[in-house]
Amino acid sequence: MSGADLIFVRELLKQFGTFIYTGERLDDLVLMELELQDLFEYKMISDEDYMKAKLILSKTKRELEE
């Protein structure tokens, strides 16, 4: 997964004033997933953006865990 894909997720969250950086990449990804879930549940982001971001985060987490 390219860094540009992860930038999409960070920029999406930044639109809502959310900046996540813990110093631990895996922890960042988990927190991003939680934030995305909340935004989606409150209908603040589209289904398409949510699914794209979820896929990016899932693939990135899988790569880090390997």
C-alpha atoms as a PDB file:
ATOM      1  CA  MET A   1       0.000   0.000   0.000  1.00  0.00           C
ATOM      2  CA  SER A   2       1.478   3.309  -0.993  1.00  0.00           C
ATOM      3  CA  GLY A   3       1.886   6.262   1.301  1.00  0.00           C
ATOM      4  CA  ALA A   4      -0.355   8.253  -1.039  1.00  0.00           C
ATOM      5  CA  ASP A   5      -3.254   5.960  -0.163  1.00  0.00           C
ATOM      6  CA  LEU A   6      -2.776   6.582   3.541  1.00  0.00           C
ATOM      7  CA  ILE A   7      -2.643  10.311   2.836  1.00  0.00           C
ATOM      8  CA  PHE A   8      -6.203  10.006   1.477  1.00  0.00           C
ATOM      9  CA  VAL A   9      -7.339   8.715   4.881  1.00  0.00           C
ATOM     10  CA  ARG A  10      -5.413  11.369   6.818  1.00  0.00           C
ATOM     11  CA  GLU A  11      -6.820  14.142   4.598  1.00  0.00           C
ATOM     12  CA  LEU A  12     -10.348  12.773   4.983  1.00  0.00           C
ATOM     13  CA  LEU A  13     -10.025  12.832   8.769  1.00  0.00           C
ATOM     14  CA  LYS A  14      -8.370  16.256   8.697  1.00  0.00           C
ATOM     15  CA  GLN A  15     -11.520  17.682   7.084  1.00  0.00           C
ATOM     16  CA  PHE A  16     -13.198  17.051  10.431  1.00  0.00           C
ATOM     17  CA  GLY A  17     -10.352  18.373  12.568  1.00  0.00           C
ATOM     18  CA  THR A  18      -8.962  14.940  13.387  1.00  0.00           C
ATOM     19  CA  PHE A  19      -5.182  14.560  13.463  1.00  0.00           C
ATOM     20  CA  ILE A  20      -3.850  11.209  14.660  1.00  0.00           C
ATOM     21  CA  TYR A  21      -0.213  10.615  15.511  1.00  0.00           C
ATOM     22  CA  THR A  22       0.843   8.458  18.431  1.00  0.00           C
ATOM     23  CA  GLY A  23       4.322   7.558  17.243  1.00  0.00           C
ATOM     24  CA  GLU A  24       3.219   3.957  16.722  1.00  0.00           C
ATOM     25  CA  ARG A  25       1.983   3.317  13.193  1.00  0.00           C
ATOM     26  CA  LEU A  26      -0.245   0.368  14.074  1.00  0.00           C
ATOM     27  CA  ASP A  27      -1.889   2.332  16.905  1.00  0.00           C
ATOM     28  CA  ASP A  28      -2.462   5.227  14.496  1.00  0.00           C
ATOM     29  CA  LEU A  29      -4.252   2.901  12.096  1.00  0.00           C
ATOM     30  CA  VAL A  30      -6.506   1.527  14.837  1.00  0.00           C
ATOM     31  CA  LEU A  31      -7.446   5.037  15.983  1.00  0.00           C
ATOM     32  CA  MET A  32      -8.114   6.087  12.378  1.00  0.00           C
ATOM     33  CA  GLU A  33     -10.456   3.122  11.960  1.00  0.00           C
ATOM     34  CA  LEU A  34     -12.383   4.090  15.088  1.00  0.00           C
ATOM     35  CA  GLU A  35     -12.686   7.697  13.956  1.00  0.00           C
ATOM     36  CA  LEU A  36     -13.833   6.642  10.483  1.00  0.00           C
ATOM     37  CA  GLN A  37     -16.474   4.396  12.019  1.00  0.00           C
ATOM     38  CA  ASP A  38     -17.855   7.294  14.039  1.00  0.00           C
ATOM     39  CA  LEU A  39     -17.925   9.616  11.020  1.00  0.00           C
ATOM     40  CA  PHE A  40     -19.706   6.970   8.989  1.00  0.00           C
ATOM     41  CA  GLU A  41     -22.273   6.201  11.690  1.00  0.00           C
ATOM     42  CA  TYR A  42     -23.137   9.896  11.948  1.00  0.00           C
ATOM     43  CA  LYS A  43     -23.455  10.104   8.133  1.00  0.00           C
ATOM     44  CA  MET A  44     -20.657  12.643   7.869  1.00  0.00           C
ATOM     45  CA  ILE A  45     -18.784  10.775   5.137  1.00  0.00           C
ATOM     46  CA  SER A  46     -20.044   8.960   2.071  1.00  0.00           C
ATOM     47  CA  ASP A  47     -20.292   5.194   1.785  1.00  0.00           C
ATOM     48  CA  GLU A  48     -17.675   5.334  -0.981  1.00  0.00           C
ATOM     49  CA  ASP A  49     -15.137   7.307   1.084  1.00  0.00           C
ATOM     50  CA  TYR A  50     -15.739   5.068   4.087  1.00  0.00           C
ATOM     51  CA  MET A  51     -15.213   1.857   2.122  1.00  0.00           C
ATOM     52  CA  LYS A  52     -12.114   3.220   0.373  1.00  0.00           C
ATOM     53  CA  ALA A  53     -10.578   4.370   3.663  1.00  0.00           C
ATOM     54  CA  LYS A  54     -11.430   1.078   5.419  1.00  0.00           C
ATOM     55  CA  LEU A  55      -9.776  -0.887   2.625  1.00  0.00           C
ATOM     56  CA  ILE A  56      -6.652   1.267   2.759  1.00  0.00           C
ATOM     57  CA  LEU A  57      -6.378   0.915   6.534  1.00  0.00           C
ATOM     58  CA  SER A  58      -7.005  -2.851   6.459  1.00  0.00           C
ATOM     59  CA  LYS A  59      -4.354  -3.437   3.818  1.00  0.00           C
ATOM     60  CA  THR A  60      -1.849  -1.201   5.598  1.00  0.00           C
ATOM     61  CA  LYS A  61      -2.443  -2.988   8.928  1.00  0.00           C
ATOM     62  CA  ARG A  62      -2.037  -6.375   7.272  1.00  0.00           C
ATOM     63  CA  GLU A  63       1.268  -5.298   5.708  1.00  0.00           C
ATOM     64  CA  LEU A  64       2.581  -4.038   9.049  1.00  0.00           C
ATOM     65  CA  GLU A  65       1.629  -7.247  10.825  1.00  0.00           C
ATOM     66  CA  GLU A  66       3.491  -9.437   8.327  1.00  0.00           C
END
